[in-house]
N, C-alpha and C. Protein backbone atom coordinates (compact mmCIF):
# COMPACT_ATOMS: atom_id res chain seq x y z
N MET A 1 -29.16 -27.07 17.10
CA MET A 1 -28.38 -26.61 16.03
C MET A 1 -26.78 -26.71 16.40
N GLU A 2 -26.79 -27.31 15.10
CA GLU A 2 -25.16 -27.74 15.00
C GLU A 2 -23.94 -26.34 14.92
N ILE A 3 -23.22 -26.69 15.93
CA ILE A 3 -22.15 -25.55 15.31
C ILE A 3 -20.46 -25.65 14.95
N LYS A 4 -20.18 -24.95 14.04
CA LYS A 4 -18.86 -25.92 13.31
C LYS A 4 -18.35 -25.11 13.11
N GLU A 5 -16.90 -24.99 13.73
CA GLU A 5 -15.84 -24.60 13.66
C GLU A 5 -15.68 -23.45 12.47
N VAL A 6 -15.02 -22.49 12.42
CA VAL A 6 -14.31 -21.59 11.41
C VAL A 6 -13.33 -22.68 10.32
N GLY A 7 -12.49 -23.05 11.15
CA GLY A 7 -11.24 -24.07 11.40
C GLY A 7 -11.55 -24.76 9.85
N ASN A 8 -12.64 -25.46 9.79
CA ASN A 8 -13.67 -26.33 8.82
C ASN A 8 -13.89 -25.58 7.45
N TYR A 9 -13.91 -24.54 7.15
CA TYR A 9 -14.02 -24.07 5.90
C TYR A 9 -12.54 -23.42 5.45
N GLY A 10 -12.75 -23.67 4.08
CA GLY A 10 -11.08 -22.78 3.28
C GLY A 10 -11.66 -21.34 3.68
N ALA A 11 -10.35 -20.65 2.88
CA ALA A 11 -10.35 -18.61 3.26
C ALA A 11 -11.49 -18.66 2.14
N LEU A 12 -12.41 -17.24 2.56
CA LEU A 12 -13.19 -16.59 1.61
C LEU A 12 -12.63 -16.71 0.05
N PRO A 13 -13.39 -16.49 -0.37
CA PRO A 13 -12.77 -16.68 -2.32
C PRO A 13 -11.95 -15.08 -2.46
N LEU A 14 -11.89 -14.32 -1.82
CA LEU A 14 -11.30 -13.26 -2.23
C LEU A 14 -10.32 -13.09 -3.73
N LEU A 15 -10.50 -11.75 -4.43
CA LEU A 15 -9.76 -11.53 -5.29
C LEU A 15 -8.27 -11.17 -5.24
N SER A 16 -9.07 -9.53 -4.53
CA SER A 16 -8.01 -8.76 -4.89
C SER A 16 -8.40 -7.06 -3.82
N LEU A 17 -7.47 -6.57 -3.02
CA LEU A 17 -7.73 -5.38 -2.33
C LEU A 17 -8.74 -4.44 -3.66
N ASN A 18 -9.21 -3.72 -2.98
CA ASN A 18 -10.40 -3.47 -4.06
C ASN A 18 -10.22 -1.96 -3.26
N HIS A 19 -10.34 -1.38 -2.39
CA HIS A 19 -10.19 0.26 -1.73
C HIS A 19 -10.15 0.29 -0.61
N VAL A 20 -9.10 1.99 0.17
CA VAL A 20 -9.39 1.73 1.37
C VAL A 20 -10.14 3.06 1.83
N SER A 21 -10.64 2.73 2.48
CA SER A 21 -11.81 4.51 3.03
C SER A 21 -11.46 5.02 4.63
N VAL A 22 -10.73 6.53 3.55
CA VAL A 22 -10.66 7.20 4.83
C VAL A 22 -11.24 8.37 5.21
N LEU A 23 -11.62 8.20 6.05
CA LEU A 23 -12.22 9.64 7.19
C LEU A 23 -11.38 10.93 7.00
N CYS A 24 -12.32 12.00 6.69
CA CYS A 24 -11.14 13.15 6.23
C CYS A 24 -12.03 14.47 7.13
N ARG A 25 -11.46 15.46 7.08
CA ARG A 25 -11.86 17.02 7.31
C ARG A 25 -12.63 17.76 6.58
N SER A 26 -11.50 17.54 5.78
CA SER A 26 -12.10 18.37 4.12
C SER A 26 -11.53 17.17 2.89
N VAL A 27 -12.83 17.23 2.06
CA VAL A 27 -12.33 16.66 0.78
C VAL A 27 -11.23 16.67 0.24
N LEU A 28 -11.60 18.77 -0.40
CA LEU A 28 -10.48 18.85 -1.49
C LEU A 28 -9.23 18.65 -0.34
N ASP A 29 -9.08 19.08 0.31
CA ASP A 29 -7.63 19.08 0.74
C ASP A 29 -6.86 17.52 0.56
N SER A 30 -7.93 16.46 0.94
CA SER A 30 -7.59 15.11 0.83
C SER A 30 -7.00 14.70 -0.47
N MET A 31 -7.93 15.09 -1.20
CA MET A 31 -7.61 15.13 -3.02
C MET A 31 -6.89 15.71 -3.51
N ARG A 32 -6.57 16.47 -3.06
CA ARG A 32 -5.53 17.40 -3.32
C ARG A 32 -4.33 16.33 -3.23
N PHE A 33 -3.90 16.15 -1.54
CA PHE A 33 -2.60 15.39 -1.80
C PHE A 33 -2.95 14.31 -2.43
N TYR A 34 -4.09 13.39 -2.53
CA TYR A 34 -3.59 11.72 -2.93
C TYR A 34 -3.32 11.69 -4.21
N GLU A 35 -4.00 12.79 -4.99
CA GLU A 35 -3.79 13.62 -6.50
C GLU A 35 -2.18 13.81 -6.95
N GLU A 36 -2.27 14.90 -5.79
CA GLU A 36 -0.39 15.86 -6.11
C GLU A 36 0.87 14.97 -5.90
N ILE A 37 0.55 14.07 -4.86
CA ILE A 37 1.27 13.39 -3.84
C ILE A 37 1.40 12.43 -4.66
N LEU A 38 0.76 11.23 -4.39
CA LEU A 38 0.26 10.03 -4.67
C LEU A 38 0.07 9.64 -5.65
N GLY A 39 -0.29 10.52 -6.82
CA GLY A 39 -0.68 10.42 -7.92
C GLY A 39 -1.99 9.45 -8.57
N PHE A 40 -2.91 9.33 -7.43
CA PHE A 40 -4.48 8.91 -7.74
C PHE A 40 -5.02 9.65 -8.86
N VAL A 41 -6.14 8.83 -9.28
CA VAL A 41 -7.30 9.99 -10.14
C VAL A 41 -8.37 9.69 -9.26
N LEU A 42 -8.70 11.09 -9.39
CA LEU A 42 -10.55 11.08 -9.08
C LEU A 42 -10.68 10.56 -10.37
N ILE A 43 -12.19 10.00 -10.09
CA ILE A 43 -13.41 9.11 -11.12
C ILE A 43 -14.37 8.74 -9.80
N LYS A 44 -15.37 8.97 -11.05
CA LYS A 44 -16.64 8.80 -10.91
C LYS A 44 -17.25 8.17 -9.66
N ARG A 45 -17.76 8.79 -8.63
CA ARG A 45 -18.48 7.83 -7.59
C ARG A 45 -20.13 7.91 -7.58
N PRO A 46 -21.09 6.63 -7.01
CA PRO A 46 -22.20 6.84 -7.37
C PRO A 46 -23.11 7.91 -6.55
N SER A 47 -24.42 7.82 -7.48
CA SER A 47 -24.76 9.50 -7.02
C SER A 47 -25.49 9.50 -5.97
N SER A 48 -26.05 7.73 -5.59
CA SER A 48 -26.65 7.84 -4.46
C SER A 48 -26.17 8.51 -3.02
N PHE A 49 -24.64 8.48 -3.37
CA PHE A 49 -24.99 9.02 -1.90
C PHE A 49 -24.78 10.47 -1.29
N LYS A 50 -25.34 10.30 -0.16
CA LYS A 50 -26.25 11.75 0.23
C LYS A 50 -24.84 12.18 1.12
N PHE A 51 -23.67 11.75 1.44
CA PHE A 51 -22.55 13.07 2.04
C PHE A 51 -21.39 13.21 0.94
N ASN A 52 -20.54 14.64 1.59
CA ASN A 52 -19.72 14.53 0.80
C ASN A 52 -18.38 13.42 0.79
N GLY A 53 -17.95 13.14 -0.51
CA GLY A 53 -16.58 12.34 -0.62
C GLY A 53 -16.17 12.29 -1.88
N ALA A 54 -15.16 11.44 -1.88
CA ALA A 54 -14.86 11.44 -3.10
C ALA A 54 -13.87 10.16 -3.89
N TRP A 55 -13.79 9.89 -4.61
CA TRP A 55 -13.61 8.37 -4.77
C TRP A 55 -12.34 8.68 -6.12
N LEU A 56 -11.22 7.99 -5.73
CA LEU A 56 -10.03 8.02 -6.33
C LEU A 56 -9.21 6.34 -6.91
N TYR A 57 -8.50 6.27 -7.83
CA TYR A 57 -8.08 5.69 -8.07
C TYR A 57 -6.98 5.31 -8.48
N ASN A 58 -6.02 4.36 -8.52
CA ASN A 58 -4.35 4.02 -9.08
C ASN A 58 -4.11 2.65 -8.82
N TYR A 59 -2.93 1.93 -9.41
CA TYR A 59 -2.27 0.92 -8.81
C TYR A 59 -3.46 -0.02 -8.80
N GLY A 60 -4.37 -0.04 -8.77
CA GLY A 60 -5.03 -0.94 -8.69
C GLY A 60 -5.81 -1.13 -8.18
N PHE A 61 -6.36 0.11 -7.14
CA PHE A 61 -6.88 -0.35 -6.08
C PHE A 61 -7.28 1.33 -6.12
N GLY A 62 -8.42 1.69 -4.57
CA GLY A 62 -9.14 2.51 -4.94
C GLY A 62 -9.51 3.39 -3.61
N ILE A 63 -8.48 4.54 -3.29
CA ILE A 63 -9.27 5.47 -1.94
C ILE A 63 -10.17 5.82 -1.93
N HIS A 64 -10.84 5.69 -1.13
CA HIS A 64 -12.79 6.76 -0.94
C HIS A 64 -12.48 7.64 -0.01
N LEU A 65 -12.44 8.70 0.39
CA LEU A 65 -12.50 9.89 0.63
C LEU A 65 -14.09 9.94 1.39
N LEU A 66 -14.45 10.18 2.87
CA LEU A 66 -15.50 9.98 3.21
C LEU A 66 -15.42 11.55 4.58
N GLU A 67 -16.30 12.50 4.27
CA GLU A 67 -15.85 13.90 4.81
C GLU A 67 -16.68 13.73 5.68
N ASN A 68 -15.97 14.39 7.07
CA ASN A 68 -16.88 14.56 8.55
C ASN A 68 -15.66 15.47 9.29
N PRO A 69 -16.65 16.81 8.58
CA PRO A 69 -15.91 17.98 9.21
C PRO A 69 -15.81 18.10 11.03
N ASN A 70 -16.72 17.43 11.37
CA ASN A 70 -17.40 17.17 13.02
C ASN A 70 -16.31 16.77 14.09
N TYR A 71 -15.72 15.72 13.49
CA TYR A 71 -14.99 14.41 14.33
C TYR A 71 -13.87 15.62 14.59
N ASP A 72 -13.37 14.90 16.05
CA ASP A 72 -12.55 15.77 16.90
C ASP A 72 -11.59 15.01 16.33
N GLU A 73 -10.69 15.93 17.82
CA GLU A 73 -8.82 15.70 17.51
C GLU A 73 -8.73 13.98 18.33
N PHE A 74 -9.89 14.05 19.41
CA PHE A 74 -9.77 12.65 20.13
C PHE A 74 -10.06 11.34 18.86
N ASP A 75 -11.03 11.87 17.77
CA ASP A 75 -11.41 11.02 16.91
C ASP A 75 -10.30 10.46 15.82
N ALA A 76 -9.35 11.50 15.60
CA ALA A 76 -8.75 11.56 14.22
C ALA A 76 -7.53 10.46 15.22
N PRO A 77 -6.76 9.72 13.73
CA PRO A 77 -5.83 8.89 14.06
C PRO A 77 -4.62 9.50 14.19
N MET A 78 -4.78 10.46 14.35
CA MET A 78 -3.00 11.04 14.94
C MET A 78 -3.48 12.80 14.81
N ILE A 79 -3.11 13.06 16.13
CA ILE A 79 -2.91 14.77 16.68
C ILE A 79 -2.17 14.96 15.37
N GLU A 80 -1.83 16.51 15.35
CA GLU A 80 -0.76 16.72 14.06
C GLU A 80 0.44 17.07 14.74
N SER A 81 0.86 17.23 16.44
CA SER A 81 1.89 17.26 16.59
C SER A 81 2.50 15.68 16.91
N ARG A 82 1.93 15.04 17.12
CA ARG A 82 2.20 13.49 17.52
C ARG A 82 3.27 13.30 16.26
N PRO A 83 4.38 12.62 16.35
CA PRO A 83 5.63 12.01 16.18
C PRO A 83 5.05 10.97 15.03
N ILE A 84 5.64 10.94 13.68
CA ILE A 84 5.80 10.32 12.32
C ILE A 84 6.22 8.81 13.16
N ASN A 85 5.78 7.73 13.35
CA ASN A 85 5.95 6.20 14.02
C ASN A 85 5.97 5.61 12.75
N PRO A 86 7.11 5.02 12.33
CA PRO A 86 6.70 3.78 11.71
C PRO A 86 6.27 2.55 11.94
N LYS A 87 5.98 2.53 13.32
CA LYS A 87 5.13 1.55 13.80
C LYS A 87 3.77 1.86 14.15
N ASP A 88 3.33 2.45 13.49
CA ASP A 88 1.92 2.55 13.56
C ASP A 88 1.37 2.11 12.04
N ASN A 89 -0.33 1.80 12.55
CA ASN A 89 -1.22 1.90 11.54
C ASN A 89 -0.87 2.49 10.24
N HIS A 90 -0.34 1.92 8.76
CA HIS A 90 -0.30 2.83 7.42
C HIS A 90 -0.81 1.98 6.34
N ILE A 91 -0.35 3.28 5.42
CA ILE A 91 -0.52 2.71 4.08
C ILE A 91 0.59 2.50 3.31
N SER A 92 1.25 1.26 2.88
CA SER A 92 2.47 1.25 1.97
C SER A 92 2.22 0.94 0.33
N PHE A 93 3.43 2.11 -0.48
CA PHE A 93 3.31 1.70 -1.61
C PHE A 93 4.59 1.57 -1.95
N GLN A 94 4.83 0.99 -2.90
CA GLN A 94 5.56 -0.02 -3.33
C GLN A 94 6.64 1.04 -4.50
N LYS A 95 7.74 1.83 -4.75
CA LYS A 95 7.87 2.92 -5.90
C LYS A 95 8.37 2.07 -6.79
N SER A 96 8.13 2.79 -7.99
CA SER A 96 8.07 2.13 -9.03
C SER A 96 9.87 2.45 -9.58
N LEU A 97 10.02 1.65 -10.09
CA LEU A 97 11.64 2.08 -10.33
C LEU A 97 11.84 2.18 -11.98
N GLN A 98 10.69 2.60 -12.57
CA GLN A 98 10.59 3.14 -13.57
C GLN A 98 10.05 4.66 -13.88
N PHE A 99 9.21 4.99 -13.16
CA PHE A 99 7.87 6.05 -13.06
C PHE A 99 7.30 5.89 -11.68
N CYS A 100 7.64 6.72 -10.70
CA CYS A 100 6.92 6.86 -9.52
C CYS A 100 6.17 8.18 -10.12
N PHE A 101 5.87 8.87 -8.65
CA PHE A 101 5.12 10.05 -9.18
C PHE A 101 6.57 11.35 -8.80
N VAL A 102 7.45 10.98 -8.36
CA VAL A 102 8.74 12.14 -9.17
C VAL A 102 9.30 11.43 -10.40
N GLN A 103 9.25 10.54 -10.62
CA GLN A 103 10.47 9.79 -11.13
C GLN A 103 11.30 9.04 -11.18
N CYS A 104 11.21 8.65 -9.77
CA CYS A 104 12.13 8.53 -8.62
C CYS A 104 12.74 7.17 -9.17
N THR A 105 14.12 6.88 -8.67
CA THR A 105 14.71 5.37 -8.74
C THR A 105 15.32 5.12 -7.44
N ASP A 106 15.24 6.07 -6.06
CA ASP A 106 15.81 5.97 -5.09
C ASP A 106 15.45 6.82 -3.93
N VAL A 107 15.19 6.33 -2.71
CA VAL A 107 14.57 6.77 -2.05
C VAL A 107 15.38 8.75 -1.69
N GLY A 108 16.40 9.17 -1.83
CA GLY A 108 16.78 10.37 -2.06
C GLY A 108 15.80 11.29 -2.94
N LEU A 109 15.84 10.59 -3.90
CA LEU A 109 14.82 11.78 -4.81
C LEU A 109 13.37 11.92 -3.90
N VAL A 110 13.16 11.07 -3.57
CA VAL A 110 11.28 11.26 -3.01
C VAL A 110 11.65 11.49 -1.71
N ILE A 111 12.56 12.13 -0.86
CA ILE A 111 12.83 13.19 0.27
C ILE A 111 12.78 14.43 -0.18
N SER A 112 13.85 14.22 -0.99
CA SER A 112 14.18 16.08 -1.81
C SER A 112 12.96 16.38 -2.69
N ARG A 113 11.53 15.42 -3.14
CA ARG A 113 10.37 16.01 -3.37
C ARG A 113 9.58 16.43 -2.13
N LEU A 114 9.75 15.44 -0.91
CA LEU A 114 8.76 15.56 0.12
C LEU A 114 9.11 17.66 0.98
N GLU A 115 10.62 17.63 0.74
CA GLU A 115 11.15 18.54 1.28
C GLU A 115 10.77 19.50 1.06
N ASP A 116 10.58 19.62 -0.95
CA ASP A 116 10.45 20.63 -1.60
C ASP A 116 8.82 21.05 -1.08
N MET A 117 8.33 19.80 -1.20
CA MET A 117 6.60 20.38 -0.39
C MET A 117 6.48 20.93 0.72
N GLY A 118 7.55 21.06 1.82
CA GLY A 118 7.92 21.18 2.94
C GLY A 118 6.87 19.88 3.72
N MET A 119 7.00 18.53 3.69
CA MET A 119 6.64 17.60 4.55
C MET A 119 7.10 17.24 5.25
N LYS A 120 6.51 16.93 6.79
CA LYS A 120 7.80 16.19 7.74
C LYS A 120 7.45 14.66 7.23
N TYR A 121 8.68 13.79 7.28
CA TYR A 121 8.87 12.44 6.61
C TYR A 121 9.70 11.75 8.42
N VAL A 122 9.75 10.67 8.40
CA VAL A 122 10.91 9.61 8.95
C VAL A 122 11.11 8.41 7.63
N THR A 123 12.77 7.91 8.17
CA THR A 123 13.36 7.17 7.04
C THR A 123 13.80 5.83 8.25
N ALA A 124 13.53 5.00 7.34
CA ALA A 124 13.83 3.80 7.97
C ALA A 124 14.36 2.96 6.83
N LEU A 125 15.71 2.10 8.04
CA LEU A 125 15.95 0.45 6.90
C LEU A 125 16.02 -0.93 7.13
N VAL A 126 15.41 -1.04 6.49
CA VAL A 126 15.33 -2.75 7.05
C VAL A 126 16.34 -3.90 6.60
N GLU A 127 17.01 -4.86 6.98
CA GLU A 127 17.98 -5.70 6.15
C GLU A 127 17.70 -7.19 6.78
N ASP A 128 17.85 -7.88 5.81
CA ASP A 128 17.29 -9.58 6.02
C ASP A 128 18.66 -10.09 4.95
N GLU A 129 19.50 -10.73 5.86
CA GLU A 129 20.22 -11.24 5.11
C GLU A 129 21.11 -10.76 3.43
N GLY A 130 21.56 -9.66 3.87
CA GLY A 130 22.28 -8.78 3.25
C GLY A 130 21.29 -7.86 2.03
N ILE A 131 19.71 -8.34 2.22
CA ILE A 131 18.85 -7.69 1.27
C ILE A 131 18.45 -6.38 2.12
N LYS A 132 18.31 -5.27 1.62
CA LYS A 132 17.97 -3.68 2.26
C LYS A 132 16.92 -3.05 1.06
N VAL A 133 15.95 -2.44 2.76
CA VAL A 133 14.26 -2.07 2.37
C VAL A 133 14.45 -0.26 2.50
N GLU A 134 14.70 0.70 2.51
CA GLU A 134 14.85 2.12 2.23
C GLU A 134 13.07 2.55 2.68
N GLN A 135 12.52 2.75 4.11
CA GLN A 135 11.14 3.51 3.91
C GLN A 135 11.31 4.38 4.07
N VAL A 136 10.17 5.15 3.70
CA VAL A 136 10.18 7.04 3.80
C VAL A 136 8.15 6.83 4.62
N PHE A 137 8.31 7.32 5.29
CA PHE A 137 6.73 7.88 5.94
C PHE A 137 6.43 8.80 6.15
N PHE A 138 5.36 8.98 5.85
CA PHE A 138 5.02 10.60 5.88
C PHE A 138 3.39 10.70 6.49
N HIS A 139 2.78 11.95 6.53
CA HIS A 139 1.29 11.73 7.30
C HIS A 139 0.63 12.47 5.88
N ASP A 140 -1.01 12.25 5.61
CA ASP A 140 -1.36 12.82 5.29
C ASP A 140 -2.30 14.17 5.85
N PRO A 141 -3.08 14.86 5.15
CA PRO A 141 -3.86 16.25 5.82
C PRO A 141 -4.43 15.35 7.03
N ASP A 142 -4.78 14.06 7.21
CA ASP A 142 -5.88 13.96 8.16
C ASP A 142 -4.92 12.96 9.31
N GLY A 143 -3.34 12.96 8.99
CA GLY A 143 -2.68 12.43 10.07
C GLY A 143 -2.85 10.87 9.82
N TYR A 144 -3.00 10.41 8.50
CA TYR A 144 -3.07 9.25 8.30
C TYR A 144 -1.12 9.34 7.57
N MET A 145 -1.27 7.89 8.08
CA MET A 145 0.11 7.59 7.66
C MET A 145 0.88 6.62 6.47
N ILE A 146 1.40 7.07 5.03
CA ILE A 146 1.86 6.67 3.87
C ILE A 146 3.20 6.13 4.45
N GLU A 147 3.59 5.08 3.86
CA GLU A 147 4.94 4.61 3.36
C GLU A 147 5.12 4.87 2.01
N LEU A 148 6.61 4.78 1.32
CA LEU A 148 6.84 4.59 0.83
C LEU A 148 8.51 3.74 0.53
N CYS A 149 8.06 2.64 -0.05
CA CYS A 149 9.48 1.68 0.10
C CYS A 149 10.03 1.41 -1.37
N ASN A 150 11.46 0.55 -1.26
CA ASN A 150 11.70 -0.39 -2.50
C ASN A 150 11.20 -1.60 -1.72
N CYS A 151 10.29 -2.23 -1.72
CA CYS A 151 9.68 -3.17 -1.02
C CYS A 151 9.89 -4.63 -2.11
N GLU A 152 9.99 -4.94 -3.54
CA GLU A 152 10.36 -5.53 -4.09
C GLU A 152 11.46 -5.92 -4.07
N ASN A 153 12.44 -5.56 -3.11
CA ASN A 153 13.76 -6.03 -2.58
C ASN A 153 13.62 -7.79 -2.04
N ILE A 154 12.48 -7.71 -1.56
CA ILE A 154 12.58 -8.83 -0.26
C ILE A 154 11.67 -9.68 -0.63
N PRO A 155 12.24 -11.05 -1.23
CA PRO A 155 11.30 -12.26 -1.89
C PRO A 155 10.60 -12.34 -0.60
N ILE A 156 9.51 -12.81 -1.59
CA ILE A 156 8.31 -13.18 -0.85
C ILE A 156 8.02 -14.48 -0.56
N VAL A 157 7.98 -15.13 1.01
CA VAL A 157 8.62 -16.74 1.02
C VAL A 157 7.27 -16.85 2.07
N PRO A 158 6.39 -18.00 1.16
CA PRO A 158 5.13 -18.36 2.58
C PRO A 158 5.74 -19.00 3.90
N ILE A 159 5.38 -18.92 4.53
CA ILE A 159 6.09 -19.83 6.05
C ILE A 159 5.50 -21.03 5.95
N SER A 160 4.64 -21.80 5.28
CA SER A 160 3.96 -23.25 4.99
C SER A 160 4.83 -23.62 4.11
N SER A 161 6.08 -23.50 3.59
CA SER A 161 6.94 -23.73 2.26
C SER A 161 8.16 -22.66 2.09
N ALA A 162 9.40 -22.57 3.14
CA ALA A 162 10.36 -21.65 3.21
C ALA A 162 11.17 -22.00 1.50
N SER A 163 10.47 -23.15 1.07
CA SER A 163 11.55 -23.70 -0.35
C SER A 163 10.72 -22.88 -1.10
N CYS A 164 9.80 -22.08 -1.48
CA CYS A 164 8.66 -21.60 -2.65
C CYS A 164 9.00 -20.46 -2.27
N SER A 165 10.26 -19.77 -2.90
CA SER A 165 10.67 -18.27 -2.58
C SER A 165 10.28 -17.48 -3.76
N PHE A 166 10.01 -16.23 -3.71
CA PHE A 166 9.37 -15.30 -5.59
C PHE A 166 10.38 -14.45 -5.44
N LYS A 167 11.10 -14.12 -6.12
CA LYS A 167 11.71 -13.01 -6.79
C LYS A 167 11.03 -12.24 -7.74
N ALA A 168 10.68 -10.62 -7.36
CA ALA A 168 9.27 -9.83 -8.59
C ALA A 168 10.58 -9.70 -9.34
N ARG A 169 11.82 -10.10 -9.17
CA ARG A 169 12.37 -9.17 -11.23
C ARG A 169 13.46 -9.97 -11.30
N GLY A 170 14.00 -10.33 -12.71
CA GLY A 170 15.11 -10.90 -12.94
C GLY A 170 14.81 -13.04 -13.10
N GLN A 171 14.09 -13.18 -12.85
CA GLN A 171 13.70 -14.28 -13.09
C GLN A 171 12.31 -14.75 -13.85
N SER A 172 12.12 -16.04 -14.15
CA SER A 172 10.71 -16.15 -14.21
C SER A 172 10.46 -17.05 -13.44
N PHE A 173 8.63 -16.97 -13.25
CA PHE A 173 7.86 -17.89 -12.28
C PHE A 173 8.39 -19.51 -12.14
N LYS A 174 8.73 -19.98 -13.22
CA LYS A 174 8.66 -20.94 -13.76
C LYS A 174 10.08 -21.49 -12.54
N LYS A 175 11.02 -20.73 -13.25
CA LYS A 175 12.72 -20.92 -12.24
C LYS A 175 12.39 -20.81 -10.83
N THR A 176 11.36 -20.18 -10.55
CA THR A 176 11.30 -19.39 -9.04
C THR A 176 10.38 -20.19 -8.21
N VAL A 177 9.37 -20.80 -8.75
CA VAL A 177 8.62 -21.64 -8.08
C VAL A 177 9.64 -23.24 -7.45
N SER A 178 9.50 -24.05 -6.54
CA SER A 178 9.71 -25.06 -6.61
C SER A 178 8.85 -26.16 -6.22
N ASN A 179 8.73 -27.64 -6.60
CA ASN A 179 8.41 -28.60 -7.28
C ASN A 179 7.91 -29.37 -5.58
N LYS A 180 8.53 -28.82 -4.99
CA LYS A 180 7.72 -28.80 -3.72
C LYS A 180 6.73 -27.77 -3.15
N CYS A 181 6.42 -26.99 -3.73
CA CYS A 181 5.22 -26.32 -3.83
C CYS A 181 3.85 -26.77 -3.83
N GLY A 182 2.84 -26.21 -2.35
CA GLY A 182 1.98 -26.88 -3.09
C GLY A 182 1.18 -26.39 -3.93
N PHE A 183 -0.85 -26.52 -4.17
CA PHE A 183 -1.37 -25.99 -4.96
C PHE A 183 -1.13 -24.37 -4.48
N MET A 184 -1.91 -24.22 -3.13
CA MET A 184 -2.12 -23.27 -2.94
C MET A 184 -0.89 -21.66 -3.12
N GLU A 185 0.38 -22.63 -2.70
CA GLU A 185 1.89 -21.84 -3.15
C GLU A 185 1.71 -21.62 -4.26
N ASN A 186 1.48 -22.22 -5.55
CA ASN A 186 1.90 -22.21 -6.40
C ASN A 186 0.80 -21.02 -6.82
N VAL A 187 -0.40 -21.10 -6.54
CA VAL A 187 -1.37 -20.05 -7.20
C VAL A 187 -0.87 -18.94 -6.50
N MET A 188 -0.44 -18.56 -5.89
CA MET A 188 -0.47 -17.30 -4.92
C MET A 188 0.82 -16.85 -5.48
N MET A 189 1.77 -17.42 -5.83
CA MET A 189 2.76 -17.01 -6.17
C MET A 189 3.26 -16.34 -7.45
N ARG A 190 1.90 -17.04 -8.98
CA ARG A 190 1.43 -16.96 -10.07
C ARG A 190 0.94 -15.73 -9.98
N SER A 191 0.24 -15.59 -8.79
CA SER A 191 -0.54 -14.28 -8.64
C SER A 191 0.08 -13.31 -7.93
N LEU A 192 1.40 -13.09 -7.20
CA LEU A 192 2.06 -12.31 -7.60
C LEU A 192 2.69 -11.99 -8.57
N SER A 193 3.76 -13.03 -9.66
CA SER A 193 4.41 -12.40 -10.35
C SER A 193 3.28 -11.83 -11.64
N MET A 194 2.01 -12.21 -11.52
CA MET A 194 1.19 -11.20 -12.57
C MET A 194 1.39 -9.78 -12.36
N ASP A 195 1.01 -9.22 -10.73
CA ASP A 195 0.83 -8.18 -10.61
C ASP A 195 1.95 -7.72 -10.34
N MET A 196 3.01 -7.86 -10.17
CA MET A 196 4.66 -7.67 -10.03
C MET A 196 4.69 -7.07 -11.58
N MET A 197 4.46 -7.94 -12.59
CA MET A 197 4.62 -7.40 -13.53
C MET A 197 3.73 -6.07 -14.43
N ASN A 198 2.40 -6.43 -13.55
CA ASN A 198 1.78 -5.53 -13.97
C ASN A 198 2.13 -3.74 -13.51
N PHE A 199 2.73 -4.01 -12.23
CA PHE A 199 3.12 -2.53 -11.87
C PHE A 199 4.06 -2.28 -12.53
N ALA A 200 4.98 -3.41 -13.12
CA ALA A 200 6.55 -2.66 -13.50
C ALA A 200 6.09 -1.95 -14.87
N PHE A 201 5.22 -2.55 -15.48
CA PHE A 201 5.27 -1.98 -16.69
C PHE A 201 3.86 -0.72 -16.90
């Protein structure tokens, strides 16, 4: 039998992120968090499922909650007393510059909303070549970490072609993508440009 190396094949024909599944102790508690704090909308899930759960959707992808009230603290991603660590596993959401879940345009308003809700959080600042990205990290009811950031400030630059920089706002795709870019870089940049426009409006 002939064995072929994985490297001989192209990347899988993926379209987009569909959903993230989250194991939770209480579907109701987690639903409330993802609806009221992050703005997700409850949607219908298949009736064939024989376990408690919920599907939520917004921002182009879904959150699938799977209830398991019996998993102990050693199976949980974080115990309650564990500090919020920006270097830990997390899901990141880019804040809308027009309307976000608190109608905010800066991190200060996000922090104010979290404090009003009595939620613990940690802030961080990323700087690169004069560009600043503000980050806010906090936990969901089961200790999964969530990040909110203004990550659109950072240009998306493929390592394979540093000249193919992408700016989310203020420039058209044609002006931003260099003729030196390869076919796949151009496809990626066009897809990212459309995604950013969809998020912005």
